[in-house]
C-alpha atoms as a PDB file:
ATOM      1  CA  UNK A   1      14.624  37.555 144.715  1.00  0.00           C
ATOM      2  CA  UNK A   2      17.029  34.734 143.800  1.00  0.00           C
ATOM      3  CA  UNK A   3      20.783  34.963 144.431  1.00  0.00           C
ATOM      4  CA  UNK A   4      22.843  35.932 141.329  1.00  0.00           C
ATOM      5  CA  UNK A   5      24.961  33.120 139.890  1.00  0.00           C
ATOM      6  CA  UNK A   6      28.728  33.215 139.492  1.00  0.00           C
ATOM      7  CA  UNK A   7      28.235  32.634 135.733  1.00  0.00           C
ATOM      8  CA  UNK A   8      26.024  35.750 135.490  1.00  0.00           C
ATOM      9  CA  UNK A   9      28.616  37.849 137.357  1.00  0.00           C
ATOM     10  CA  UNK A  10      31.414  36.530 135.099  1.00  0.00           C
ATOM     11  CA  UNK A  11      29.325  37.323 132.012  1.00  0.00           C
ATOM     12  CA  UNK A  12      28.872  40.916 133.272  1.00  0.00           C
ATOM     13  CA  UNK A  13      32.634  41.259 133.892  1.00  0.00           C
ATOM     14  CA  UNK A  14      33.337  39.901 130.391  1.00  0.00           C
ATOM     15  CA  UNK A  15      31.198  42.708 128.988  1.00  0.00           C
ATOM     16  CA  UNK A  16      33.798  45.273 130.077  1.00  0.00           C
ATOM     17  CA  UNK A  17      36.910  45.514 127.892  1.00  0.00           C
ATOM     18  CA  UNK A  18      39.841  46.988 129.830  1.00  0.00           C
ATOM     19  CA  UNK A  19      41.272  49.532 127.335  1.00  0.00           C
ATOM     20  CA  UNK A  20      44.976  49.076 128.198  1.00  0.00           C
ATOM     21  CA  UNK A  21      44.843  45.284 127.989  1.00  0.00           C
ATOM     22  CA  UNK A  22      42.499  45.299 124.997  1.00  0.00           C
ATOM     23  CA  UNK A  23      40.490  42.417 126.486  1.00  0.00           C
ATOM     24  CA  UNK A  24      38.153  41.623 129.360  1.00  0.00           C
ATOM     25  CA  UNK A  25      39.591  41.029 132.837  1.00  0.00           C
ATOM     26  CA  UNK A  26      38.575  37.354 132.946  1.00  0.00           C
ATOM     27  CA  UNK A  27      40.430  36.661 129.668  1.00  0.00           C
ATOM     28  CA  UNK A  28      43.403  38.569 131.120  1.00  0.00           C
ATOM     29  CA  UNK A  29      43.226  36.352 134.271  1.00  0.00           C
ATOM     30  CA  UNK A  30      43.008  39.434 136.458  1.00  0.00           C
ATOM     31  CA  UNK A  31      39.886  38.390 138.390  1.00  0.00           C
ATOM     32  CA  UNK A  32      41.174  36.582 141.474  1.00  0.00           C
ATOM     33  CA  UNK A  33      37.942  36.134 143.403  1.00  0.00           C
ATOM     34  CA  UNK A  34      34.143  36.398 143.112  1.00  0.00           C
ATOM     35  CA  UNK A  35      32.245  36.060 146.426  1.00  0.00           C
ATOM     36  CA  UNK A  36      28.436  35.991 146.445  1.00  0.00           C
ATOM     37  CA  UNK A  37      26.357  36.152 149.625  1.00  0.00           C
ATOM     38  CA  UNK A  38      22.683  36.668 148.979  1.00  0.00           C
ATOM     39  CA  UNK A  39      22.487  39.800 146.849  1.00  0.00           C
ATOM     40  CA  UNK A  40      25.928  41.011 147.925  1.00  0.00           C
ATOM     41  CA  UNK A  41      28.799  40.551 145.465  1.00  0.00           C
ATOM     42  CA  UNK A  42      32.480  41.148 146.104  1.00  0.00           C
ATOM     43  CA  UNK A  43      34.993  40.964 143.258  1.00  0.00           C
ATOM     44  CA  UNK A  44      38.759  41.040 143.681  1.00  0.00           C
ATOM     45  CA  UNK A  45      40.800  42.240 140.690  1.00  0.00           C
ATOM     46  CA  UNK A  46      44.608  42.073 140.628  1.00  0.00           C
ATOM     47  CA  UNK A  47      46.051  43.683 137.508  1.00  0.00           C
ATOM     48  CA  UNK A  48      49.486  42.768 136.176  1.00  0.00           C
ATOM     49  CA  UNK A  49      50.380  46.428 135.620  1.00  0.00           C
ATOM     50  CA  UNK A  50      50.418  49.553 137.839  1.00  0.00           C
ATOM     51  CA  UNK A  51      47.219  51.529 137.323  1.00  0.00           C
ATOM     52  CA  UNK A  52      46.841  54.183 140.019  1.00  0.00           C
ATOM     53  CA  UNK A  53      45.501  56.695 137.479  1.00  0.00           C
ATOM     54  CA  UNK A  54      42.635  54.421 136.313  1.00  0.00           C
ATOM     55  CA  UNK A  55      42.078  52.229 139.396  1.00  0.00           C
ATOM     56  CA  UNK A  56      38.785  53.911 140.355  1.00  0.00           C
ATOM     57  CA  UNK A  57      37.651  54.084 136.720  1.00  0.00           C
ATOM     58  CA  UNK A  58      38.036  50.295 136.321  1.00  0.00           C
ATOM     59  CA  UNK A  59      36.285  49.634 139.667  1.00  0.00           C
ATOM     60  CA  UNK A  60      33.358  51.915 138.700  1.00  0.00           C
ATOM     61  CA  UNK A  61      32.946  50.283 135.252  1.00  0.00           C
ATOM     62  CA  UNK A  62      32.837  46.814 136.831  1.00  0.00           C
ATOM     63  CA  UNK A  63      30.467  47.926 139.614  1.00  0.00           C
ATOM     64  CA  UNK A  64      28.056  49.360 137.051  1.00  0.00           C
ATOM     65  CA  UNK A  65      28.194  46.192 134.901  1.00  0.00           C
ATOM     66  CA  UNK A  66      27.667  43.842 137.889  1.00  0.00           C
ATOM     67  CA  UNK A  67      24.920  46.019 139.457  1.00  0.00           C
ATOM     68  CA  UNK A  68      22.810  45.414 136.330  1.00  0.00           C
ATOM     69  CA  UNK A  69      22.738  41.645 136.952  1.00  0.00           C
ATOM     70  CA  UNK A  70      19.429  40.352 138.280  1.00  0.00           C
ATOM     71  CA  UNK A  71      19.469  39.688 142.019  1.00  0.00           C
ATOM     72  CA  UNK A  72      22.462  41.922 142.797  1.00  0.00           C
ATOM     73  CA  UNK A  73      21.749  44.348 145.657  1.00  0.00           C
ATOM     74  CA  UNK A  74      25.246  45.552 146.576  1.00  0.00           C
ATOM     75  CA  UNK A  75      28.602  45.412 144.758  1.00  0.00           C
ATOM     76  CA  UNK A  76      32.117  45.815 146.098  1.00  0.00           C
ATOM     77  CA  UNK A  77      35.036  45.798 143.638  1.00  0.00           C
ATOM     78  CA  UNK A  78      38.635  45.861 144.894  1.00  0.00           C
ATOM     79  CA  UNK A  79      41.256  46.741 142.265  1.00  0.00           C
ATOM     80  CA  UNK A  80      44.965  46.350 142.978  1.00  0.00           C
ATOM     81  CA  UNK A  81      48.046  45.263 140.990  1.00  0.00           C
ATOM     82  CA  UNK A  82      51.064  43.035 141.253  1.00  0.00           C
ATOM     83  CA  UNK A  83      53.902  43.289 138.742  1.00  0.00           C
ATOM     84  CA  UNK A  84      55.435  39.925 137.782  1.00  0.00           C
ATOM     85  CA  UNK A  85      58.748  39.119 136.122  1.00  0.00           C
ATOM     86  CA  UNK A  86      58.330  38.357 132.413  1.00  0.00           C
ATOM     87  CA  UNK A  87      60.356  36.128 130.143  1.00  0.00           C
ATOM     88  CA  UNK A  88      63.504  37.428 128.428  1.00  0.00           C
ATOM     89  CA  UNK A  89      65.791  36.231 125.606  1.00  0.00           C
ATOM     90  CA  UNK A  90      66.127  32.432 125.687  1.00  0.00           C
ATOM     91  CA  UNK A  91      69.859  32.399 126.519  1.00  0.00           C
ATOM     92  CA  UNK A  92      69.537  34.815 129.482  1.00  0.00           C
ATOM     93  CA  UNK A  93      67.921  34.877 132.898  1.00  0.00           C
ATOM     94  CA  UNK A  94      66.489  37.909 134.743  1.00  0.00           C
ATOM     95  CA  UNK A  95      68.740  39.926 137.070  1.00  0.00           C
ATOM     96  CA  UNK A  96      68.108  39.609 140.813  1.00  0.00           C
ATOM     97  CA  UNK A  97      66.045  42.521 142.200  1.00  0.00           C
ATOM     98  CA  UNK A  98      64.874  43.597 138.702  1.00  0.00           C
ATOM     99  CA  UNK A  99      61.577  42.075 137.543  1.00  0.00           C
ATOM    100  CA  UNK A 100      61.500  43.629 134.057  1.00  0.00           C
ATOM    101  CA  UNK A 101      63.899  45.613 131.867  1.00  0.00           C
ATOM    102  CA  UNK A 102      62.354  47.902 129.245  1.00  0.00           C
ATOM    103  CA  UNK A 103      64.701  49.327 126.584  1.00  0.00           C
ATOM    104  CA  UNK A 104      63.826  52.716 125.077  1.00  0.00           C
ATOM    105  CA  UNK A 105      65.472  53.045 121.661  1.00  0.00           C
ATOM    106  CA  UNK A 106      65.478  55.155 118.512  1.00  0.00           C
ATOM    107  CA  UNK A 107      67.073  54.642 115.118  1.00  0.00           C
ATOM    108  CA  UNK A 108      68.478  58.168 115.096  1.00  0.00           C
ATOM    109  CA  UNK A 109      69.318  60.988 117.499  1.00  0.00           C
ATOM    110  CA  UNK A 110      67.285  64.119 118.101  1.00  0.00           C
ATOM    111  CA  UNK A 111      63.853  62.495 118.367  1.00  0.00           C
ATOM    112  CA  UNK A 112      63.483  63.054 122.128  1.00  0.00           C
ATOM    113  CA  UNK A 113      64.278  59.499 123.225  1.00  0.00           C
ATOM    114  CA  UNK A 114      65.945  60.426 126.549  1.00  0.00           C
ATOM    115  CA  UNK A 115      63.114  62.822 127.419  1.00  0.00           C
ATOM    116  CA  UNK A 116      60.593  60.075 126.636  1.00  0.00           C
ATOM    117  CA  UNK A 117      62.589  57.520 128.687  1.00  0.00           C
ATOM    118  CA  UNK A 118      62.790  59.659 131.842  1.00  0.00           C
ATOM    119  CA  UNK A 119      59.127  60.704 131.669  1.00  0.00           C
ATOM    120  CA  UNK A 120      58.083  57.074 131.028  1.00  0.00           C
ATOM    121  CA  UNK A 121      60.047  55.979 134.119  1.00  0.00           C
ATOM    122  CA  UNK A 122      58.482  58.763 136.215  1.00  0.00           C
ATOM    123  CA  UNK A 123      55.017  57.922 134.852  1.00  0.00           C
ATOM    124  CA  UNK A 124      55.405  54.215 135.762  1.00  0.00           C
ATOM    125  CA  UNK A 125      56.406  55.342 139.255  1.00  0.00           C
ATOM    126  CA  UNK A 126      53.404  57.699 139.471  1.00  0.00           C
ATOM    127  CA  UNK A 127      51.163  54.759 138.502  1.00  0.00           C
ATOM    128  CA  UNK A 128      52.424  52.814 141.530  1.00  0.00           C
ATOM    129  CA  UNK A 129      55.504  50.827 140.431  1.00  0.00           C
ATOM    130  CA  UNK A 130      59.035  50.663 141.821  1.00  0.00           C
ATOM    131  CA  UNK A 131      61.197  52.023 138.987  1.00  0.00           C
ATOM    132  CA  UNK A 132      64.815  52.626 138.038  1.00  0.00           C
ATOM    133  CA  UNK A 133      66.481  54.217 135.022  1.00  0.00           C
ATOM    134  CA  UNK A 134      69.833  53.266 133.502  1.00  0.00           C
ATOM    135  CA  UNK A 135      71.437  55.831 131.201  1.00  0.00           C
ATOM    136  CA  UNK A 136      73.160  53.600 128.620  1.00  0.00           C
ATOM    137  CA  UNK A 137      74.275  56.515 126.440  1.00  0.00           C
ATOM    138  CA  UNK A 138      77.961  56.406 127.409  1.00  0.00           C
ATOM    139  CA  UNK A 139      79.007  59.100 124.914  1.00  0.00           C
ATOM    140  CA  UNK A 140      76.218  61.542 125.709  1.00  0.00           C
ATOM    141  CA  UNK A 141      74.716  60.842 129.132  1.00  0.00           C
ATOM    142  CA  UNK A 142      71.784  63.174 129.764  1.00  0.00           C
ATOM    143  CA  UNK A 143      69.846  61.619 132.653  1.00  0.00           C
ATOM    144  CA  UNK A 144      71.902  63.293 135.462  1.00  0.00           C
ATOM    145  CA  UNK A 145      70.910  66.726 134.065  1.00  0.00           C
ATOM    146  CA  UNK A 146      67.323  65.683 133.352  1.00  0.00           C
ATOM    147  CA  UNK A 147      66.827  64.299 136.867  1.00  0.00           C
ATOM    148  CA  UNK A 148      68.642  67.212 138.527  1.00  0.00           C
ATOM    149  CA  UNK A 149      71.155  64.884 140.213  1.00  0.00           C
ATOM    150  CA  UNK A 150      74.663  65.998 141.123  1.00  0.00           C
ATOM    151  CA  UNK A 151      77.404  64.251 143.086  1.00  0.00           C
ATOM    152  CA  UNK A 152      78.836  60.775 142.807  1.00  0.00           C
ATOM    153  CA  UNK A 153      77.288  57.415 143.798  1.00  0.00           C
ATOM    154  CA  UNK A 154      78.451  55.739 147.008  1.00  0.00           C
ATOM    155  CA  UNK A 155      80.168  52.359 147.153  1.00  0.00           C
ATOM    156  CA  UNK A 156      79.720  50.572 150.476  1.00  0.00           C
ATOM    157  CA  UNK A 157      81.916  47.572 149.610  1.00  0.00           C
ATOM    158  CA  UNK A 158      84.374  49.096 147.130  1.00  0.00           C
ATOM    159  CA  UNK A 159      83.089  46.985 144.213  1.00  0.00           C
ATOM    160  CA  UNK A 160      79.410  47.843 143.705  1.00  0.00           C
ATOM    161  CA  UNK A 161      77.590  51.181 143.430  1.00  0.00           C
ATOM    162  CA  UNK A 162      74.505  52.478 145.215  1.00  0.00           C
ATOM    163  CA  UNK A 163      72.005  53.973 142.741  1.00  0.00           C
ATOM    164  CA  UNK A 164      71.380  57.727 142.929  1.00  0.00           C
ATOM    165  CA  UNK A 165      67.773  58.710 143.653  1.00  0.00           C
ATOM    166  CA  UNK A 166      65.567  61.507 142.374  1.00  0.00           C
ATOM    167  CA  UNK A 167      61.757  61.889 142.336  1.00  0.00           C
ATOM    168  CA  UNK A 168      61.413  58.334 143.743  1.00  0.00           C
ATOM    169  CA  UNK A 169      63.471  56.884 140.853  1.00  0.00           C
ATOM    170  CA  UNK A 170      66.658  54.860 141.265  1.00  0.00           C
ATOM    171  CA  UNK A 171      69.173  56.038 138.643  1.00  0.00           C
ATOM    172  CA  UNK A 172      72.618  55.147 137.308  1.00  0.00           C
ATOM    173  CA  UNK A 173      74.658  56.818 134.566  1.00  0.00           C
ATOM    174  CA  UNK A 174      78.292  57.164 133.506  1.00  0.00           C
ATOM    175  CA  UNK A 175      77.491  60.871 133.892  1.00  0.00           C
ATOM    176  CA  UNK A 176      77.591  60.423 137.696  1.00  0.00           C
ATOM    177  CA  UNK A 177      81.167  59.130 137.495  1.00  0.00           C
ATOM    178  CA  UNK A 178      82.748  61.694 135.155  1.00  0.00           C
ATOM    179  CA  UNK A 179      82.716  65.461 134.804  1.00  0.00           C
ATOM    180  CA  UNK A 180      79.857  66.782 132.635  1.00  0.00           C
ATOM    181  CA  UNK A 181      82.360  68.455 130.249  1.00  0.00           C
ATOM    182  CA  UNK A 182      84.590  65.365 129.831  1.00  0.00           C
ATOM    183  CA  UNK A 183      84.244  63.622 126.441  1.00  0.00           C
ATOM    184  CA  UNK A 184      84.213  59.801 126.477  1.00  0.00           C
ATOM    185  CA  UNK A 185      86.844  58.929 123.857  1.00  0.00           C
ATOM    186  CA  UNK A 186      86.328  55.178 124.056  1.00  0.00           C
ATOM    187  CA  UNK A 187      86.184  52.395 121.501  1.00  0.00           C
ATOM    188  CA  UNK A 188      83.224  50.000 121.275  1.00  0.00           C
ATOM    189  CA  UNK A 189      84.435  47.194 123.631  1.00  0.00           C
ATOM    190  CA  UNK A 190      85.088  49.695 126.448  1.00  0.00           C
ATOM    191  CA  UNK A 191      81.622  51.167 126.009  1.00  0.00           C
ATOM    192  CA  UNK A 192      79.888  47.780 126.141  1.00  0.00           C
ATOM    193  CA  UNK A 193      81.945  46.759 129.188  1.00  0.00           C
ATOM    194  CA  UNK A 194      80.988  50.023 130.933  1.00  0.00           C
ATOM    195  CA  UNK A 195      77.301  49.379 130.179  1.00  0.00           C
ATOM    196  CA  UNK A 196      77.466  45.857 131.627  1.00  0.00           C
ATOM    197  CA  UNK A 197      79.200  47.134 134.763  1.00  0.00           C
ATOM    198  CA  UNK A 198      76.701  49.964 135.279  1.00  0.00           C
ATOM    199  CA  UNK A 199      73.865  47.451 135.047  1.00  0.00           C
ATOM    200  CA  UNK A 200      75.322  44.532 137.013  1.00  0.00           C
ATOM    201  CA  UNK A 201      77.405  46.379 139.633  1.00  0.00           C
ATOM    202  CA  UNK A 202      74.602  48.689 140.796  1.00  0.00           C
ATOM    203  CA  UNK A 203      72.672  47.621 143.917  1.00  0.00           C
ATOM    204  CA  UNK A 204      69.191  48.100 142.438  1.00  0.00           C
ATOM    205  CA  UNK A 205      66.559  47.684 145.173  1.00  0.00           C
ATOM    206  CA  UNK A 206      63.557  45.514 144.216  1.00  0.00           C
ATOM    207  CA  UNK A 207      62.537  47.134 140.920  1.00  0.00           C
ATOM    208  CA  UNK A 208      59.332  46.321 139.063  1.00  0.00           C
ATOM    209  CA  UNK A 209      60.805  48.020 135.985  1.00  0.00           C
ATOM    210  CA  UNK A 210      64.254  49.223 134.947  1.00  0.00           C
ATOM    211  CA  UNK A 211      64.009  51.605 131.993  1.00  0.00           C
ATOM    212  CA  UNK A 212      67.194  51.643 129.891  1.00  0.00           C
ATOM    213  CA  UNK A 213      67.776  54.826 127.895  1.00  0.00           C
ATOM    214  CA  UNK A 214      69.759  53.496 124.926  1.00  0.00           C
ATOM    215  CA  UNK A 215      72.026  55.582 122.687  1.00  0.00           C
ATOM    216  CA  UNK A 216      70.565  56.161 119.198  1.00  0.00           C
ATOM    217  CA  UNK A 217      71.299  53.727 116.366  1.00  0.00           C
ATOM    218  CA  UNK A 218      71.761  49.974 115.964  1.00  0.00           C
ATOM    219  CA  UNK A 219      75.449  49.541 116.824  1.00  0.00           C
ATOM    220  CA  UNK A 220      77.636  47.868 119.458  1.00  0.00           C
ATOM    221  CA  UNK A 221      75.738  49.053 122.524  1.00  0.00           C
ATOM    222  CA  UNK A 222      72.356  47.945 121.199  1.00  0.00           C
ATOM    223  CA  UNK A 223      73.767  44.562 120.154  1.00  0.00           C
ATOM    224  CA  UNK A 224      75.360  44.045 123.599  1.00  0.00           C
ATOM    225  CA  UNK A 225      72.053  44.881 125.214  1.00  0.00           C
ATOM    226  CA  UNK A 226      70.256  42.393 122.974  1.00  0.00           C
ATOM    227  CA  UNK A 227      72.768  39.597 123.606  1.00  0.00           C
ATOM    228  CA  UNK A 228      73.819  40.070 127.245  1.00  0.00           C
ATOM    229  CA  UNK A 229      71.090  42.033 129.035  1.00  0.00           C
ATOM    230  CA  UNK A 230      67.795  40.246 129.865  1.00  0.00           C
ATOM    231  CA  UNK A 231      65.255  42.589 128.263  1.00  0.00           C
ATOM    232  CA  UNK A 232      61.515  41.942 128.634  1.00  0.00           C
ATOM    233  CA  UNK A 233      60.492  44.439 125.940  1.00  0.00           C
ATOM    234  CA  UNK A 234      61.484  47.497 123.908  1.00  0.00           C
ATOM    235  CA  UNK A 235      59.877  50.804 122.957  1.00  0.00           C
ATOM    236  CA  UNK A 236      60.801  52.643 119.763  1.00  0.00           C
ATOM    237  CA  UNK A 237      60.681  56.469 119.805  1.00  0.00           C
ATOM    238  CA  UNK A 238      60.298  58.287 116.500  1.00  0.00           C
ATOM    239  CA  UNK A 239      59.044  61.536 115.006  1.00  0.00           C
ATOM    240  CA  UNK A 240      56.485  61.563 112.172  1.00  0.00           C
ATOM    241  CA  UNK A 241      58.957  62.537 109.408  1.00  0.00           C
ATOM    242  CA  UNK A 242      60.005  59.915 106.844  1.00  0.00           C
ATOM    243  CA  UNK A 243      63.760  60.097 107.653  1.00  0.00           C
ATOM    244  CA  UNK A 244      63.174  59.378 111.359  1.00  0.00           C
ATOM    245  CA  UNK A 245      60.722  56.581 110.538  1.00  0.00           C
ATOM    246  CA  UNK A 246      63.240  54.969 108.178  1.00  0.00           C
ATOM    247  CA  UNK A 247      65.754  54.688 111.035  1.00  0.00           C
ATOM    248  CA  UNK A 248      63.096  53.714 113.593  1.00  0.00           C
ATOM    249  CA  UNK A 249      62.190  50.739 111.381  1.00  0.00           C
ATOM    250  CA  UNK A 250      65.800  49.544 111.581  1.00  0.00           C
ATOM    251  CA  UNK A 251      65.641  49.671 115.376  1.00  0.00           C
ATOM    252  CA  UNK A 252      62.368  47.760 115.394  1.00  0.00           C
ATOM    253  CA  UNK A 253      63.739  45.055 113.060  1.00  0.00           C
ATOM    254  CA  UNK A 254      66.906  44.727 115.156  1.00  0.00           C
ATOM    255  CA  UNK A 255      64.872  43.898 118.287  1.00  0.00           C
ATOM    256  CA  UNK A 256      62.719  41.460 116.324  1.00  0.00           C
ATOM    257  CA  UNK A 257      65.847  39.651 115.059  1.00  0.00           C
ATOM    258  CA  UNK A 258      67.230  39.186 118.574  1.00  0.00           C
ATOM    259  CA  UNK A 259      63.830  38.053 119.916  1.00  0.00           C
ATOM    260  CA  UNK A 260      63.153  41.070 122.120  1.00  0.00           C
ATOM    261  CA  UNK A 261      59.410  41.906 121.900  1.00  0.00           C
ATOM    262  CA  UNK A 262      58.662  45.454 120.760  1.00  0.00           C
ATOM    263  CA  UNK A 263      55.935  46.692 123.109  1.00  0.00           C
ATOM    264  CA  UNK A 264      55.077  49.679 120.935  1.00  0.00           C
ATOM    265  CA  UNK A 265      55.986  52.938 119.243  1.00  0.00           C
ATOM    266  CA  UNK A 266      55.923  56.445 120.727  1.00  0.00           C
ATOM    267  CA  UNK A 267      55.545  59.275 118.227  1.00  0.00           C
ATOM    268  CA  UNK A 268      57.259  62.369 119.616  1.00  0.00           C
ATOM    269  CA  UNK A 269      56.874  65.943 118.298  1.00  0.00           C
ATOM    270  CA  UNK A 270      53.646  64.798 116.670  1.00  0.00           C
ATOM    271  CA  UNK A 271      52.105  68.266 116.390  1.00  0.00           C
ATOM    272  CA  UNK A 272      53.163  71.818 117.202  1.00  0.00           C
ATOM    273  CA  UNK A 273      50.684  74.024 119.055  1.00  0.00           C
ATOM    274  CA  UNK A 274      51.467  77.717 118.696  1.00  0.00           C
ATOM    275  CA  UNK A 275      51.962  79.294 122.129  1.00  0.00           C
ATOM    276  CA  UNK A 276      50.650  82.646 120.819  1.00  0.00           C
ATOM    277  CA  UNK A 277      47.477  81.655 118.971  1.00  0.00           C
ATOM    278  CA  UNK A 278      46.878  77.969 119.756  1.00  0.00           C
ATOM    279  CA  UNK A 279      47.035  76.907 116.091  1.00  0.00           C
ATOM    280  CA  UNK A 280      47.986  73.235 115.752  1.00  0.00           C
ATOM    281  CA  UNK A 281      50.229  72.159 112.893  1.00  0.00           C
ATOM    282  CA  UNK A 282      51.915  68.889 111.828  1.00  0.00           C
ATOM    283  CA  UNK A 283      55.277  70.478 111.036  1.00  0.00           C
ATOM    284  CA  UNK A 284      57.143  67.141 110.865  1.00  0.00           C
ATOM    285  CA  UNK A 285      54.508  65.332 108.815  1.00  0.00           C
ATOM    286  CA  UNK A 286      51.425  63.452 109.905  1.00  0.00           C
ATOM    287  CA  UNK A 287      50.493  59.896 110.820  1.00  0.00           C
ATOM    288  CA  UNK A 288      53.980  58.387 110.422  1.00  0.00           C
ATOM    289  CA  UNK A 289      53.885  56.503 113.708  1.00  0.00           C
ATOM    290  CA  UNK A 290      50.428  55.098 112.905  1.00  0.00           C
ATOM    291  CA  UNK A 291      51.610  53.929 109.448  1.00  0.00           C
ATOM    292  CA  UNK A 292      54.590  52.178 111.022  1.00  0.00           C
ATOM    293  CA  UNK A 293      52.299  50.656 113.650  1.00  0.00           C
ATOM    294  CA  UNK A 294      49.948  49.317 110.948  1.00  0.00           C
ATOM    295  CA  UNK A 295      52.816  48.052 108.786  1.00  0.00           C
ATOM    296  CA  UNK A 296      54.516  46.015 111.533  1.00  0.00           C
ATOM    297  CA  UNK A 297      51.544  45.154 113.723  1.00  0.00           C
ATOM    298  CA  UNK A 298      53.044  47.010 116.672  1.00  0.00           C
ATOM    299  CA  UNK A 299      50.905  49.266 118.881  1.00  0.00           C
ATOM    300  CA  UNK A 300      51.185  53.057 118.734  1.00  0.00           C
ATOM    301  CA  UNK A 301      51.413  53.727 122.477  1.00  0.00           C
ATOM    302  CA  UNK A 302      50.911  57.480 122.208  1.00  0.00           C
ATOM    303  CA  UNK A 303      51.724  60.711 120.387  1.00  0.00           C
ATOM    304  CA  UNK A 304      53.322  63.691 122.136  1.00  0.00           C
ATOM    305  CA  UNK A 305      53.234  67.310 120.987  1.00  0.00           C
ATOM    306  CA  UNK A 306      56.267  69.478 120.249  1.00  0.00           C
ATOM    307  CA  UNK A 307      56.058  71.538 123.403  1.00  0.00           C
ATOM    308  CA  UNK A 308      58.572  74.086 124.715  1.00  0.00           C
ATOM    309  CA  UNK A 309      57.694  73.259 128.337  1.00  0.00           C
ATOM    310  CA  UNK A 310      58.814  69.623 127.921  1.00  0.00           C
ATOM    311  CA  UNK A 311      62.278  70.773 126.801  1.00  0.00           C
ATOM    312  CA  UNK A 312      62.575  73.507 129.452  1.00  0.00           C
ATOM    313  CA  UNK A 313      61.531  71.225 132.297  1.00  0.00           C
ATOM    314  CA  UNK A 314      63.932  68.399 131.437  1.00  0.00           C
ATOM    315  CA  UNK A 315      66.780  70.908 130.905  1.00  0.00           C
ATOM    316  CA  UNK A 316      66.055  72.308 134.382  1.00  0.00           C
ATOM    317  CA  UNK A 317      66.168  68.889 136.044  1.00  0.00           C
ATOM    318  CA  UNK A 318      62.435  68.523 136.669  1.00  0.00           C
ATOM    319  CA  UNK A 319      60.752  66.509 133.870  1.00  0.00           C
ATOM    320  CA  UNK A 320      57.130  67.219 132.907  1.00  0.00           C
ATOM    321  CA  UNK A 321      55.587  64.284 134.837  1.00  0.00           C
ATOM    322  CA  UNK A 322      56.826  65.779 138.130  1.00  0.00           C
ATOM    323  CA  UNK A 323      56.876  69.463 137.077  1.00  0.00           C
ATOM    324  CA  UNK A 324      53.257  69.507 135.834  1.00  0.00           C
ATOM    325  CA  UNK A 325      51.544  66.372 137.246  1.00  0.00           C
ATOM    326  CA  UNK A 326      48.052  67.534 136.237  1.00  0.00           C
ATOM    327  CA  UNK A 327      48.926  68.622 132.671  1.00  0.00           C
ATOM    328  CA  UNK A 328      47.640  67.067 129.438  1.00  0.00           C
ATOM    329  CA  UNK A 329      51.217  66.081 128.453  1.00  0.00           C
ATOM    330  CA  UNK A 330      51.707  64.229 131.772  1.00  0.00           C
ATOM    331  CA  UNK A 331      48.436  62.373 131.199  1.00  0.00           C
ATOM    332  CA  UNK A 332      49.763  61.258 127.769  1.00  0.00           C
ATOM    333  CA  UNK A 333      52.989  59.986 129.391  1.00  0.00           C
ATOM    334  CA  UNK A 334      50.998  58.139 132.076  1.00  0.00           C
ATOM    335  CA  UNK A 335      48.743  56.586 129.435  1.00  0.00           C
ATOM    336  CA  UNK A 336      51.865  55.448 127.521  1.00  0.00           C
ATOM    337  CA  UNK A 337      53.216  53.972 130.779  1.00  0.00           C
ATOM    338  CA  UNK A 338      49.961  52.091 131.479  1.00  0.00           C
ATOM    339  CA  UNK A 339      49.774  50.739 127.921  1.00  0.00           C
ATOM    340  CA  UNK A 340      53.444  49.677 128.004  1.00  0.00           C
ATOM    341  CA  UNK A 341      53.091  47.877 131.342  1.00  0.00           C
ATOM    342  CA  UNK A 342      49.747  46.303 130.340  1.00  0.00           C
ATOM    343  CA  UNK A 343      51.228  45.036 127.067  1.00  0.00           C
ATOM    344  CA  UNK A 344      54.149  43.544 129.007  1.00  0.00           C
ATOM    345  CA  UNK A 345      51.785  41.947 131.560  1.00  0.00           C
ATOM    346  CA  UNK A 346      50.230  39.839 128.783  1.00  0.00           C
ATOM    347  CA  UNK A 347      53.579  38.290 127.819  1.00  0.00           C
ATOM    348  CA  UNK A 348      54.805  34.945 129.115  1.00  0.00           C
ATOM    349  CA  UNK A 349      55.883  35.107 132.750  1.00  0.00           C
ATOM    350  CA  UNK A 350      59.272  34.018 134.036  1.00  0.00           C
ATOM    351  CA  UNK A 351      58.805  31.245 136.584  1.00  0.00           C
ATOM    352  CA  UNK A 352      62.498  30.633 137.377  1.00  0.00           C
ATOM    353  CA  UNK A 353      62.206  32.470 140.709  1.00  0.00           C
ATOM    354  CA  UNK A 354      59.447  30.078 141.842  1.00  0.00           C
ATOM    355  CA  UNK A 355      61.639  26.981 141.603  1.00  0.00           C
ATOM    356  CA  UNK A 356      64.025  26.239 144.445  1.00  0.00           C
ATOM    357  CA  UNK A 357      67.721  26.178 143.611  1.00  0.00           C
ATOM    358  CA  UNK A 358      69.105  22.681 144.075  1.00  0.00           C
ATOM    359  CA  UNK A 359      72.566  22.630 145.587  1.00  0.00           C
ATOM    360  CA  UNK A 360      74.545  19.378 145.690  1.00  0.00           C
ATOM    361  CA  UNK A 361      77.144  19.256 148.432  1.00  0.00           C
ATOM    362  CA  UNK A 362      79.839  16.673 149.000  1.00  0.00           C
ATOM    363  CA  UNK A 363      79.704  15.897 152.712  1.00  0.00           C
END
């Protein structure tokens, strides 16, 4: 039996479309090595996004495709990932120790944006990434409660802050620095200055992703983020009803205007499943997120049900992804995380870190 050719192996790999990337792994430049010895084939795949939940699934699909090639007797497929830093707004450069910043936004309040942000961060971590979360809602910080964190952050040098940690996430919020009952009666410039300080004066430790939980709307804070914070991509959270979608569109257009790529839309409270009888009902309307996705050519990353457990768990400081790791809702969050990271992995990479810094000294 003749030895299989590299071309035949590549053709077999091309036959498998990776669902999160929406393309084959050769087109996505994820195949880093094909070794053929006699009838033995070894393929090395390095994804650009964390994929612990589907790692074995991808390896099995490739093994099956390659095993069907004539002359192949044994197949070994190694699947791993490496998260790279991706390009940001033209006038900005990425922050040291943070490869990618993902902004989670909504046009209006009450759509479950903070709950989505914390579960997205936890899901990215569960998939195998190093993740942080910045609570940028200065007026209504909710992440300390959602992550069950109390106490104040340390400062080793008197000028910078050490991030708080919970469930393997690094976290920072104005809520760590003030009493939970204290209202923030600040004007816009103070709020934007506080946001910049929380981001830049925190000693984040080698993050693949920093998820920023933005306040609702398209005001000062969002504009500051768009102009001064190097964001790799944004996610818009909405509910299916027309009023929420109207405001979500404004958020989407704002990011497009400031050249921040919108990675996708998350439709929250998509359906309500009755806890007594199991009847499923679209109480906030149906298909709104999909319509918006079709209209603007932006991917619908996932739809989450209106579920009492999600609210209870975040209120109690243990979000769904860690409270119920095997649940259907957690699987939806992890799928949203994989799609978000995969979408980001296809964007232009930032190569600034690869070039040496040239320092001219007068001797």
